[in-house]
Amino acid sequence: MALAADSLSILTMEVMDNAVILTVPGAMEAGLADVLFWGSLVLSLVVAFVVTVPVNRALIRRGKGHAVAHAVHQHH
């Protein structure tokens, strides 16, 4: 249920994360010991977060996304 509820959010995050990594010169070749690796990783996750938050808010407003999982598991 969580996968189905969050698919658009996950897709948006992954697309943005990969797009940023692909646009940073040398990021794909950087190793774990390189500052470029960690810097591009942080940048990609920040960009993905900023783009995904409005997507999640829109889904929740419409009663979709993560809100569906909460509604199913809500205790009264």
PDB file of N, CA and C in Angstrom:
ATOM      1  N   MET A   1       0.824  -1.186   0.000  1.00  0.00           N
ATOM      2  CA  MET A   1       0.000   0.000   0.000  1.00  0.00           C
ATOM      3  C   MET A   1       0.877   1.263   0.000  1.00  0.00           C
ATOM      4  N   ALA A   2       1.935   1.257   0.802  1.00  0.00           N
ATOM      5  CA  ALA A   2       2.806   2.435   0.877  1.00  0.00           C
ATOM      6  C   ALA A   2       3.452   2.719  -0.476  1.00  0.00           C
ATOM      7  N   LEU A   3       3.864   1.673  -1.172  1.00  0.00           N
ATOM      8  CA  LEU A   3       4.488   1.875  -2.485  1.00  0.00           C
ATOM      9  C   LEU A   3       3.497   2.499  -3.459  1.00  0.00           C
ATOM     10  N   ALA A   4       2.279   1.992  -3.484  1.00  0.00           N
ATOM     11  CA  ALA A   4       1.268   2.540  -4.380  1.00  0.00           C
ATOM     12  C   ALA A   4       0.908   3.967  -3.987  1.00  0.00           C
ATOM     13  N   ALA A   5       0.834   4.232  -2.700  1.00  0.00           N
ATOM     14  CA  ALA A   5       0.439   5.562  -2.231  1.00  0.00           C
ATOM     15  C   ALA A   5       1.517   6.598  -2.492  1.00  0.00           C
ATOM     16  N   ASP A   6       2.764   6.194  -2.466  1.00  0.00           N
ATOM     17  CA  ASP A   6       3.867   7.147  -2.595  1.00  0.00           C
ATOM     18  C   ASP A   6       4.601   7.078  -3.937  1.00  0.00           C
ATOM     19  N   SER A   7       4.049   6.372  -4.906  1.00  0.00           N
ATOM     20  CA  SER A   7       4.748   6.172  -6.181  1.00  0.00           C
ATOM     21  C   SER A   7       5.117   7.474  -6.874  1.00  0.00           C
ATOM     22  N   LEU A   8       4.202   8.424  -6.954  1.00  0.00           N
ATOM     23  CA  LEU A   8       4.502   9.686  -7.628  1.00  0.00           C
ATOM     24  C   LEU A   8       5.593  10.454  -6.890  1.00  0.00           C
ATOM     25  N   SER A   9       5.536  10.451  -5.572  1.00  0.00           N
ATOM     26  CA  SER A   9       6.550  11.118  -4.767  1.00  0.00           C
ATOM     27  C   SER A   9       7.921  10.477  -4.977  1.00  0.00           C
ATOM     28  N   ILE A  10       7.969   9.161  -4.935  1.00  0.00           N
ATOM     29  CA  ILE A  10       9.229   8.440  -5.123  1.00  0.00           C
ATOM     30  C   ILE A  10       9.773   8.674  -6.525  1.00  0.00           C
ATOM     31  N   LEU A  11       8.912   8.611  -7.517  1.00  0.00           N
ATOM     32  CA  LEU A  11       9.331   8.837  -8.902  1.00  0.00           C
ATOM     33  C   LEU A  11       9.903  10.239  -9.073  1.00  0.00           C
ATOM     34  N   THR A  12       9.217  11.235  -8.523  1.00  0.00           N
ATOM     35  CA  THR A  12       9.684  12.618  -8.625  1.00  0.00           C
ATOM     36  C   THR A  12      11.056  12.779  -7.972  1.00  0.00           C
ATOM     37  N   MET A  13      11.203  12.215  -6.778  1.00  0.00           N
ATOM     38  CA  MET A  13      12.472  12.327  -6.069  1.00  0.00           C
ATOM     39  C   MET A  13      13.601  11.660  -6.850  1.00  0.00           C
ATOM     40  N   GLU A  14      13.368  10.478  -7.356  1.00  0.00           N
ATOM     41  CA  GLU A  14      14.413   9.754  -8.077  1.00  0.00           C
ATOM     42  C   GLU A  14      14.799  10.446  -9.380  1.00  0.00           C
ATOM     43  N   VAL A  15      13.819  10.955 -10.103  1.00  0.00           N
ATOM     44  CA  VAL A  15      14.111  11.653 -11.360  1.00  0.00           C
ATOM     45  C   VAL A  15      14.969  12.891 -11.088  1.00  0.00           C
ATOM     46  N   MET A  16      14.595  13.667 -10.084  1.00  0.00           N
ATOM     47  CA  MET A  16      15.367  14.878  -9.763  1.00  0.00           C
ATOM     48  C   MET A  16      16.764  14.529  -9.261  1.00  0.00           C
ATOM     49  N   ASP A  17      16.860  13.543  -8.410  1.00  0.00           N
ATOM     50  CA  ASP A  17      18.157  13.113  -7.875  1.00  0.00           C
ATOM     51  C   ASP A  17      19.092  12.705  -9.011  1.00  0.00           C
ATOM     52  N   ASN A  18      18.598  11.864  -9.892  1.00  0.00           N
ATOM     53  CA  ASN A  18      19.424  11.398 -11.013  1.00  0.00           C
ATOM     54  C   ASN A  18      19.743  12.517 -11.997  1.00  0.00           C
ATOM     55  N   ALA A  19      18.794  13.405 -12.232  1.00  0.00           N
ATOM     56  CA  ALA A  19      19.039  14.514 -13.159  1.00  0.00           C
ATOM     57  C   ALA A  19      20.151  15.418 -12.659  1.00  0.00           C
ATOM     58  N   VAL A  20      20.149  15.718 -11.379  1.00  0.00           N
ATOM     59  CA  VAL A  20      21.197  16.585 -10.820  1.00  0.00           C
ATOM     60  C   VAL A  20      22.550  15.890 -10.908  1.00  0.00           C
ATOM     61  N   ILE A  21      22.613  14.640 -10.516  1.00  0.00           N
ATOM     62  CA  ILE A  21      23.883  13.899 -10.565  1.00  0.00           C
ATOM     63  C   ILE A  21      24.428  13.871 -11.989  1.00  0.00           C
ATOM     64  N   LEU A  22      23.541  13.676 -12.957  1.00  0.00           N
ATOM     65  CA  LEU A  22      23.982  13.627 -14.352  1.00  0.00           C
ATOM     66  C   LEU A  22      24.437  14.982 -14.883  1.00  0.00           C
ATOM     67  N   THR A  23      23.949  16.079 -14.308  1.00  0.00           N
ATOM     68  CA  THR A  23      24.333  17.399 -14.812  1.00  0.00           C
ATOM     69  C   THR A  23      25.572  17.970 -14.129  1.00  0.00           C
ATOM     70  N   VAL A  24      25.984  17.416 -13.004  1.00  0.00           N
ATOM     71  CA  VAL A  24      27.194  17.894 -12.324  1.00  0.00           C
ATOM     72  C   VAL A  24      28.396  17.240 -13.005  1.00  0.00           C
ATOM     73  N   PRO A  25      29.255  18.049 -13.628  1.00  0.00           N
ATOM     74  CA  PRO A  25      30.417  17.477 -14.331  1.00  0.00           C
ATOM     75  C   PRO A  25      31.310  16.661 -13.392  1.00  0.00           C
ATOM     76  N   GLY A  26      31.575  15.419 -13.781  1.00  0.00           N
ATOM     77  CA  GLY A  26      32.469  14.554 -13.026  1.00  0.00           C
ATOM     78  C   GLY A  26      31.825  13.799 -11.879  1.00  0.00           C
ATOM     79  N   ALA A  27      30.570  14.056 -11.581  1.00  0.00           N
ATOM     80  CA  ALA A  27      29.919  13.409 -10.436  1.00  0.00           C
ATOM     81  C   ALA A  27      29.811  11.896 -10.617  1.00  0.00           C
ATOM     82  N   MET A  28      29.580  11.456 -11.830  1.00  0.00           N
ATOM     83  CA  MET A  28      29.440  10.017 -12.075  1.00  0.00           C
ATOM     84  C   MET A  28      30.760   9.271 -11.919  1.00  0.00           C
ATOM     85  N   GLU A  29      31.868   9.959 -12.107  1.00  0.00           N
ATOM     86  CA  GLU A  29      33.173   9.317 -12.007  1.00  0.00           C
ATOM     87  C   GLU A  29      33.800   9.495 -10.626  1.00  0.00           C
ATOM     88  N   ALA A  30      33.231  10.347  -9.790  1.00  0.00           N
ATOM     89  CA  ALA A  30      33.802  10.634  -8.472  1.00  0.00           C
ATOM     90  C   ALA A  30      33.707   9.420  -7.561  1.00  0.00           C
ATOM     91  N   GLY A  31      34.746   9.232  -6.757  1.00  0.00           N
ATOM     92  CA  GLY A  31      34.780   8.116  -5.809  1.00  0.00           C
ATOM     93  C   GLY A  31      34.338   8.564  -4.427  1.00  0.00           C
ATOM     94  N   LEU A  32      34.223   7.614  -3.524  1.00  0.00           N
ATOM     95  CA  LEU A  32      33.768   7.905  -2.164  1.00  0.00           C
ATOM     96  C   LEU A  32      34.684   8.880  -1.423  1.00  0.00           C
ATOM     97  N   ALA A  33      35.943   8.923  -1.778  1.00  0.00           N
ATOM     98  CA  ALA A  33      36.895   9.812  -1.103  1.00  0.00           C
ATOM     99  C   ALA A  33      36.900  11.228  -1.691  1.00  0.00           C
ATOM    100  N   ASP A  34      36.133  11.452  -2.754  1.00  0.00           N
ATOM    101  CA  ASP A  34      36.108  12.753  -3.419  1.00  0.00           C
ATOM    102  C   ASP A  34      35.034  13.663  -2.838  1.00  0.00           C
ATOM    103  N   VAL A  35      35.397  14.921  -2.635  1.00  0.00           N
ATOM    104  CA  VAL A  35      34.436  15.919  -2.162  1.00  0.00           C
ATOM    105  C   VAL A  35      33.323  16.092  -3.188  1.00  0.00           C
ATOM    106  N   LEU A  36      33.666  15.965  -4.462  1.00  0.00           N
ATOM    107  CA  LEU A  36      32.662  16.096  -5.529  1.00  0.00           C
ATOM    108  C   LEU A  36      31.550  15.063  -5.372  1.00  0.00           C
ATOM    109  N   PHE A  37      31.904  13.850  -5.001  1.00  0.00           N
ATOM    110  CA  PHE A  37      30.898  12.802  -4.797  1.00  0.00           C
ATOM    111  C   PHE A  37      29.894  13.236  -3.733  1.00  0.00           C
ATOM    112  N   TRP A  38      30.411  13.634  -2.564  1.00  0.00           N
ATOM    113  CA  TRP A  38      29.543  13.993  -1.445  1.00  0.00           C
ATOM    114  C   TRP A  38      28.800  15.303  -1.693  1.00  0.00           C
ATOM    115  N   GLY A  39      29.464  16.263  -2.318  1.00  0.00           N
ATOM    116  CA  GLY A  39      28.817  17.537  -2.633  1.00  0.00           C
ATOM    117  C   GLY A  39      27.677  17.371  -3.620  1.00  0.00           C
ATOM    118  N   SER A  40      27.900  16.577  -4.670  1.00  0.00           N
ATOM    119  CA  SER A  40      26.847  16.357  -5.666  1.00  0.00           C
ATOM    120  C   SER A  40      25.710  15.530  -5.067  1.00  0.00           C
ATOM    121  N   LEU A  41      26.029  14.619  -4.163  1.00  0.00           N
ATOM    122  CA  LEU A  41      24.995  13.844  -3.490  1.00  0.00           C
ATOM    123  C   LEU A  41      24.105  14.745  -2.635  1.00  0.00           C
ATOM    124  N   VAL A  42      24.733  15.611  -1.854  1.00  0.00           N
ATOM    125  CA  VAL A  42      23.966  16.548  -1.015  1.00  0.00           C
ATOM    126  C   VAL A  42      23.114  17.458  -1.892  1.00  0.00           C
ATOM    127  N   LEU A  43      23.705  18.021  -2.940  1.00  0.00           N
ATOM    128  CA  LEU A  43      22.966  18.905  -3.838  1.00  0.00           C
ATOM    129  C   LEU A  43      21.776  18.181  -4.466  1.00  0.00           C
ATOM    130  N   SER A  44      21.991  16.962  -4.926  1.00  0.00           N
ATOM    131  CA  SER A  44      20.900  16.231  -5.581  1.00  0.00           C
ATOM    132  C   SER A  44      19.768  15.928  -4.603  1.00  0.00           C
ATOM    133  N   LEU A  45      20.103  15.599  -3.365  1.00  0.00           N
ATOM    134  CA  LEU A  45      19.053  15.307  -2.389  1.00  0.00           C
ATOM    135  C   LEU A  45      18.301  16.567  -1.968  1.00  0.00           C
ATOM    136  N   VAL A  46      18.999  17.690  -1.873  1.00  0.00           N
ATOM    137  CA  VAL A  46      18.329  18.950  -1.544  1.00  0.00           C
ATOM    138  C   VAL A  46      17.371  19.350  -2.663  1.00  0.00           C
ATOM    139  N   VAL A  47      17.825  19.272  -3.899  1.00  0.00           N
ATOM    140  CA  VAL A  47      16.968  19.614  -5.038  1.00  0.00           C
ATOM    141  C   VAL A  47      15.766  18.667  -5.088  1.00  0.00           C
ATOM    142  N   ALA A  48      16.007  17.380  -4.910  1.00  0.00           N
ATOM    143  CA  ALA A  48      14.909  16.404  -4.930  1.00  0.00           C
ATOM    144  C   ALA A  48      13.895  16.705  -3.827  1.00  0.00           C
ATOM    145  N   PHE A  49      14.369  17.066  -2.647  1.00  0.00           N
ATOM    146  CA  PHE A  49      13.474  17.394  -1.540  1.00  0.00           C
ATOM    147  C   PHE A  49      12.621  18.618  -1.876  1.00  0.00           C
ATOM    148  N   VAL A  50      13.267  19.666  -2.379  1.00  0.00           N
ATOM    149  CA  VAL A  50      12.557  20.912  -2.687  1.00  0.00           C
ATOM    150  C   VAL A  50      11.488  20.685  -3.757  1.00  0.00           C
ATOM    151  N   VAL A  51      11.780  19.861  -4.734  1.00  0.00           N
ATOM    152  CA  VAL A  51      10.808  19.601  -5.802  1.00  0.00           C
ATOM    153  C   VAL A  51       9.710  18.645  -5.328  1.00  0.00           C
ATOM    154  N   THR A  52      10.039  17.709  -4.473  1.00  0.00           N
ATOM    155  CA  THR A  52       9.082  16.692  -4.049  1.00  0.00           C
ATOM    156  C   THR A  52       8.095  17.187  -2.999  1.00  0.00           C
ATOM    157  N   VAL A  53       8.477  18.140  -2.167  1.00  0.00           N
ATOM    158  CA  VAL A  53       7.567  18.638  -1.124  1.00  0.00           C
ATOM    159  C   VAL A  53       6.247  19.154  -1.721  1.00  0.00           C
ATOM    160  N   PRO A  54       6.261  19.995  -2.746  1.00  0.00           N
ATOM    161  CA  PRO A  54       4.975  20.429  -3.321  1.00  0.00           C
ATOM    162  C   PRO A  54       4.166  19.268  -3.917  1.00  0.00           C
ATOM    163  N   VAL A  55       4.849  18.279  -4.466  1.00  0.00           N
ATOM    164  CA  VAL A  55       4.152  17.106  -5.002  1.00  0.00           C
ATOM    165  C   VAL A  55       3.441  16.380  -3.861  1.00  0.00           C
ATOM    166  N   ASN A  56       4.143  16.178  -2.744  1.00  0.00           N
ATOM    167  CA  ASN A  56       3.540  15.508  -1.591  1.00  0.00           C
ATOM    168  C   ASN A  56       2.377  16.310  -1.024  1.00  0.00           C
ATOM    169  N   ARG A  57       2.529  17.617  -0.942  1.00  0.00           N
ATOM    170  CA  ARG A  57       1.439  18.457  -0.431  1.00  0.00           C
ATOM    171  C   ARG A  57       0.206  18.358  -1.316  1.00  0.00           C
ATOM    172  N   ALA A  58       0.412  18.360  -2.627  1.00  0.00           N
ATOM    173  CA  ALA A  58      -0.714  18.244  -3.556  1.00  0.00           C
ATOM    174  C   ALA A  58      -1.400  16.886  -3.405  1.00  0.00           C
ATOM    175  N   LEU A  59      -0.605  15.839  -3.263  1.00  0.00           N
ATOM    176  CA  LEU A  59      -1.181  14.504  -3.076  1.00  0.00           C
ATOM    177  C   LEU A  59      -1.995  14.429  -1.785  1.00  0.00           C
ATOM    178  N   ILE A  60      -1.462  14.969  -0.712  1.00  0.00           N
ATOM    179  CA  ILE A  60      -2.153  14.931   0.577  1.00  0.00           C
ATOM    180  C   ILE A  60      -3.451  15.729   0.510  1.00  0.00           C
ATOM    181  N   ARG A  61      -3.403  16.908  -0.133  1.00  0.00           N
ATOM    182  CA  ARG A  61      -4.620  17.720  -0.287  1.00  0.00           C
ATOM    183  C   ARG A  61      -5.718  16.966  -1.014  1.00  0.00           C
ATOM    184  N   ARG A  62      -5.316  16.130  -1.946  1.00  0.00           N
ATOM    185  CA  ARG A  62      -6.292  15.374  -2.730  1.00  0.00           C
ATOM    186  C   ARG A  62      -6.662  14.035  -2.080  1.00  0.00           C
ATOM    187  N   GLY A  63      -6.133  13.778  -0.896  1.00  0.00           N
ATOM    188  CA  GLY A  63      -6.413  12.516  -0.223  1.00  0.00           C
ATOM    189  C   GLY A  63      -5.672  11.345  -0.815  1.00  0.00           C
ATOM    190  N   LYS A  64      -4.576  11.631  -1.491  1.00  0.00           N
ATOM    191  CA  LYS A  64      -3.763  10.586  -2.131  1.00  0.00           C
ATOM    192  C   LYS A  64      -2.417  10.521  -1.421  1.00  0.00           C
ATOM    193  N   GLY A  65      -1.517   9.753  -1.975  1.00  0.00           N
ATOM    194  CA  GLY A  65      -0.164   9.680  -1.440  1.00  0.00           C
ATOM    195  C   GLY A  65      -0.132   9.119  -0.039  1.00  0.00           C
ATOM    196  N   HIS A  66       0.751   9.656   0.761  1.00  0.00           N
ATOM    197  CA  HIS A  66       0.973   9.138   2.107  1.00  0.00           C
ATOM    198  C   HIS A  66      -0.275   9.272   2.981  1.00  0.00           C
ATOM    199  N   ALA A  67      -1.140  10.206   2.656  1.00  0.00           N
ATOM    200  CA  ALA A  67      -2.383  10.381   3.419  1.00  0.00           C
ATOM    201  C   ALA A  67      -3.248   9.132   3.367  1.00  0.00           C
ATOM    202  N   VAL A  68      -3.187   8.388   2.274  1.00  0.00           N
ATOM    203  CA  VAL A  68      -3.965   7.159   2.134  1.00  0.00           C
ATOM    204  C   VAL A  68      -3.508   6.125   3.159  1.00  0.00           C
ATOM    205  N   ALA A  69      -2.196   5.980   3.308  1.00  0.00           N
ATOM    206  CA  ALA A  69      -1.668   5.013   4.271  1.00  0.00           C
ATOM    207  C   ALA A  69      -2.076   5.396   5.694  1.00  0.00           C
ATOM    208  N   HIS A  70      -2.040   6.689   6.006  1.00  0.00           N
ATOM    209  CA  HIS A  70      -2.450   7.130   7.338  1.00  0.00           C
ATOM    210  C   HIS A  70      -3.940   6.872   7.577  1.00  0.00           C
ATOM    211  N   ALA A  71      -4.760   7.102   6.589  1.00  0.00           N
ATOM    212  CA  ALA A  71      -6.200   6.904   6.736  1.00  0.00           C
ATOM    213  C   ALA A  71      -6.533   5.432   6.982  1.00  0.00           C
ATOM    214  N   VAL A  72      -5.841   4.555   6.316  1.00  0.00           N
ATOM    215  CA  VAL A  72      -6.085   3.121   6.463  1.00  0.00           C
ATOM    216  C   VAL A  72      -5.673   2.642   7.851  1.00  0.00           C
ATOM    217  N   HIS A  73      -4.596   3.190   8.379  1.00  0.00           N
ATOM    218  CA  HIS A  73      -4.040   2.726   9.650  1.00  0.00           C
ATOM    219  C   HIS A  73      -4.401   3.613  10.828  1.00  0.00           C
ATOM    220  N   GLN A  74      -5.330   4.521  10.626  1.00  0.00           N
ATOM    221  CA  GLN A  74      -5.727   5.449  11.699  1.00  0.00           C
ATOM    222  C   GLN A  74      -6.526   4.702  12.756  1.00  0.00           C
ATOM    223  N   HIS A  75      -6.170   4.955  14.011  1.00  0.00           N
ATOM    224  CA  HIS A  75      -6.867   4.321  15.130  1.00  0.00           C
ATOM    225  C   HIS A  75      -7.830   5.308  15.747  1.00  0.00           C
ATOM    226  N   HIS A  76      -9.013   4.849  16.085  1.00  0.00           N
ATOM    227  CA  HIS A  76     -10.014   5.732  16.696  1.00  0.00           C
ATOM    228  C   HIS A  76     -10.201   5.360  18.137  1.00  0.00           C
TER     229      HIS A  76
END
